[in-house]
Amino acid sequence: MGLRPNCHHGWFHQSREPAFLSDFVAAWATLTHMADSVFSKIIRGEIPCHKLYEDDRVLAFLDVGPLSEGHALVIPKEPAVTLDELSDESAAAIGRVLPRLCRAIKRATGVAAFNVLENNLPLAHQAVPHVHFHIIPKPDEQGGLGVRWNAGKLEPARGASLAERIRADLGREAGNA
């Protein structure tokens, strides 16, 4: 079972057919070259949604293909495909509202456990080319998000080297701000 594009609206859905990387690449190329994503159309009100929250930078609404009751999407109004392309201002606005939405969803559903998920590009399972965070209540072992975590081992020398490269890059980015 894999994810397959649905041509009439650009979303990806579960399919019993195998998904191949070439399918993802072709579908992604089509989606990213469209004038706007389905989320842009929701932001403009061209596609209806079950709105949970809105301000000048953020929109949150219920997912139309929920993994569990209360599964919500939180999107910036700023058009950006991946999180690293998003402005600091829009990222901060999402960061301010995410905890409040999580608390409200927990109270409304009565489910204490939940996942917050954000994917970047098809290889990482991003299905809509617009930054979006999922809030997914986890009511039990079967409901909500299922995750297989293939943990590796971080060798101390390799970790030190990687951390240094990331700190150096952050320093360069701060110098350009």
Protein backbone atom coordinates (compact mmCIF):
# COMPACT_ATOMS: atom_id res chain seq x y z
CA MET A 1 0.00 0.00 0.00
CA GLY A 2 1.34 3.45 -0.82
CA LEU A 3 0.38 7.03 -1.47
CA ARG A 4 -0.98 7.82 -4.91
CA PRO A 5 -1.98 11.19 -6.38
CA ASN A 6 -5.65 11.87 -6.90
CA CYS A 7 -5.86 13.90 -10.12
CA HIS A 8 -9.09 15.77 -9.46
CA HIS A 9 -7.83 17.77 -6.50
CA GLY A 10 -4.10 17.15 -6.08
CA TRP A 11 -4.24 15.33 -2.74
CA PHE A 12 -2.49 12.04 -2.14
CA HIS A 13 -4.50 9.09 -0.85
CA GLN A 14 -3.80 5.59 0.35
CA SER A 15 -3.91 3.09 -2.47
CA ARG A 16 -3.57 -0.68 -2.68
CA GLU A 17 -1.34 -0.17 -5.72
CA PRO A 18 2.41 0.14 -5.14
CA ALA A 19 3.74 3.70 -5.19
CA PHE A 20 6.96 4.28 -7.07
CA LEU A 21 9.39 7.15 -6.61
CA SER A 22 8.79 8.23 -10.21
CA ASP A 23 5.06 8.61 -9.40
CA PHE A 24 5.93 10.93 -6.54
CA VAL A 25 8.38 12.95 -8.63
CA ALA A 26 5.89 13.37 -11.49
CA ALA A 27 3.03 14.26 -9.17
CA TRP A 28 5.21 16.64 -7.15
CA ALA A 29 6.40 18.41 -10.29
CA THR A 30 2.79 18.90 -11.34
CA LEU A 31 1.70 20.12 -7.91
CA THR A 32 4.59 22.51 -7.30
CA HIS A 33 4.16 24.11 -10.71
CA MET A 34 0.46 24.79 -10.16
CA ALA A 35 -0.42 28.42 -9.55
CA ASP A 36 -1.46 27.54 -6.02
CA SER A 37 -1.90 24.62 -3.70
CA VAL A 38 -5.19 23.35 -2.33
CA PHE A 39 -4.25 25.14 0.90
CA SER A 40 -3.95 28.48 -0.93
CA LYS A 41 -7.48 27.92 -2.19
CA ILE A 42 -8.68 27.15 1.34
CA ILE A 43 -6.98 30.33 2.63
CA ARG A 44 -8.81 32.37 -0.04
CA GLY A 45 -12.13 30.66 0.78
CA GLU A 46 -12.41 28.97 -2.63
CA ILE A 47 -12.54 25.55 -0.96
CA PRO A 48 -14.53 25.19 2.26
CA CYS A 49 -13.03 23.92 5.50
CA HIS A 50 -14.02 23.31 9.11
CA LYS A 51 -12.09 26.29 10.49
CA LEU A 52 -10.68 26.04 14.01
CA TYR A 53 -8.54 29.18 14.17
CA GLU A 54 -7.49 32.09 11.98
CA ASP A 55 -5.38 35.21 12.35
CA ASP A 56 -3.41 37.34 9.88
CA ARG A 57 -0.63 34.71 9.48
CA VAL A 58 -2.14 31.30 10.39
CA LEU A 59 -5.17 29.16 9.53
CA ALA A 60 -6.12 25.91 11.30
CA PHE A 61 -8.85 23.52 10.21
CA LEU A 62 -9.91 19.89 10.49
CA ASP A 63 -8.25 17.43 8.11
CA VAL A 64 -10.73 15.99 5.55
CA GLY A 65 -8.92 12.63 5.72
CA PRO A 66 -8.37 12.31 9.47
CA LEU A 67 -6.27 9.62 11.09
CA SER A 68 -8.38 10.14 14.23
CA GLU A 69 -11.14 12.41 15.51
CA GLY A 70 -9.76 15.92 15.94
CA HIS A 71 -6.95 15.55 13.35
CA ALA A 72 -6.23 19.15 12.41
CA LEU A 73 -3.97 21.02 10.00
CA VAL A 74 -2.20 24.26 10.89
CA ILE A 75 -0.90 26.24 7.91
CA PRO A 76 0.81 29.57 7.38
CA LYS A 77 -0.94 31.99 5.06
CA GLU A 78 2.48 32.76 3.60
CA PRO A 79 3.13 30.52 0.59
CA ALA A 80 6.11 28.28 1.34
CA VAL A 81 6.61 24.67 0.30
CA THR A 82 9.00 23.61 3.08
CA LEU A 83 9.58 24.79 6.62
CA ASP A 84 13.06 26.13 5.86
CA GLU A 85 11.51 28.46 3.24
CA LEU A 86 9.07 29.97 5.77
CA SER A 87 9.77 33.42 7.25
CA ASP A 88 10.69 33.70 10.92
CA GLU A 89 7.53 35.75 11.48
CA SER A 90 5.19 33.10 10.08
CA ALA A 91 7.06 30.33 11.88
CA ALA A 92 6.74 32.23 15.18
CA ALA A 93 3.02 32.78 14.57
CA ILE A 94 2.51 29.02 14.07
CA GLY A 95 4.61 28.33 17.16
CA ARG A 96 2.38 30.61 19.24
CA VAL A 97 -0.87 28.94 18.18
CA LEU A 98 0.18 25.25 18.06
CA PRO A 99 0.12 24.70 21.86
CA ARG A 100 -3.25 26.43 22.20
CA LEU A 101 -4.75 24.29 19.42
CA CYS A 102 -3.30 21.12 20.98
CA ARG A 103 -4.90 21.99 24.34
CA ALA A 104 -8.26 22.74 22.70
CA ILE A 105 -8.21 19.51 20.66
CA LYS A 106 -7.30 17.49 23.77
CA ARG A 107 -10.24 18.98 25.68
CA ALA A 108 -12.69 18.60 22.78
CA THR A 109 -11.78 14.97 22.03
CA GLY A 110 -10.91 13.81 25.54
CA VAL A 111 -7.71 12.29 24.12
CA ALA A 112 -4.53 13.15 26.05
CA ALA A 113 -1.92 11.67 23.69
CA PHE A 114 -1.20 13.32 20.34
CA ASN A 115 1.44 13.82 17.65
CA VAL A 116 2.47 17.06 15.95
CA LEU A 117 3.92 16.31 12.52
CA GLU A 118 5.39 18.43 9.70
CA ASN A 119 6.87 16.85 6.56
CA ASN A 120 9.13 18.43 3.94
CA LEU A 121 9.11 17.16 0.33
CA PRO A 122 7.68 13.87 -1.00
CA LEU A 123 10.57 11.71 0.23
CA ALA A 124 9.57 12.80 3.76
CA HIS A 125 5.86 12.14 2.97
CA GLN A 126 4.74 15.73 2.24
CA ALA A 127 1.60 15.41 0.11
CA VAL A 128 0.62 19.08 -0.37
CA PRO A 129 3.31 21.57 -1.45
CA HIS A 130 2.55 24.10 1.29
CA VAL A 131 3.97 24.04 4.82
CA HIS A 132 1.50 22.37 7.16
CA PHE A 133 1.54 20.90 10.63
CA HIS A 134 -0.70 18.01 11.60
CA ILE A 135 -2.09 17.74 15.12
CA ILE A 136 -3.15 14.09 15.39
CA PRO A 137 -4.85 12.79 18.54
CA LYS A 138 -3.69 9.26 19.50
CA PRO A 139 -6.71 7.66 21.23
CA ASP A 140 -5.25 4.12 21.35
CA GLU A 141 -2.67 1.84 19.71
CA GLN A 142 -4.67 1.51 16.48
CA GLY A 143 -5.98 5.07 16.05
CA GLY A 144 -4.04 8.18 15.14
CA LEU A 145 -0.54 8.19 13.68
CA GLY A 146 1.45 4.97 13.39
CA VAL A 147 5.20 5.50 13.45
CA ARG A 148 8.11 3.13 12.91
CA TRP A 149 11.26 4.68 14.36
CA ASN A 150 14.43 3.18 12.91
CA ALA A 151 16.83 4.53 15.51
CA GLY A 152 20.51 4.41 14.74
CA LYS A 153 23.52 5.23 16.93
CA LEU A 154 25.25 8.60 16.98
CA GLU A 155 28.99 8.11 17.37
CA PRO A 156 30.51 10.84 19.60
CA ALA A 157 33.10 12.09 17.07
CA ARG A 158 30.58 12.18 14.23
CA GLY A 159 28.04 13.95 16.49
CA ALA A 160 30.61 16.57 17.52
CA SER A 161 31.55 17.21 13.88
CA LEU A 162 27.93 17.50 12.74
CA ALA A 163 26.99 19.78 15.64
CA GLU A 164 29.92 22.07 14.79
CA ARG A 165 28.88 22.31 11.11
CA ILE A 166 25.28 23.12 12.08
CA ARG A 167 26.38 25.77 14.63
CA ALA A 168 28.66 27.34 11.99
CA ASP A 169 25.81 27.47 9.48
CA LEU A 170 23.48 29.01 12.08
CA GLY A 171 26.14 31.62 12.80
CA ARG A 172 26.43 32.50 9.11
CA GLU A 173 22.64 32.73 8.82
CA ALA A 174 22.46 35.01 11.88
CA GLY A 175 25.14 37.22 10.32
CA ASN A 176 22.98 37.60 7.19
CA ALA A 177 19.84 38.52 9.13
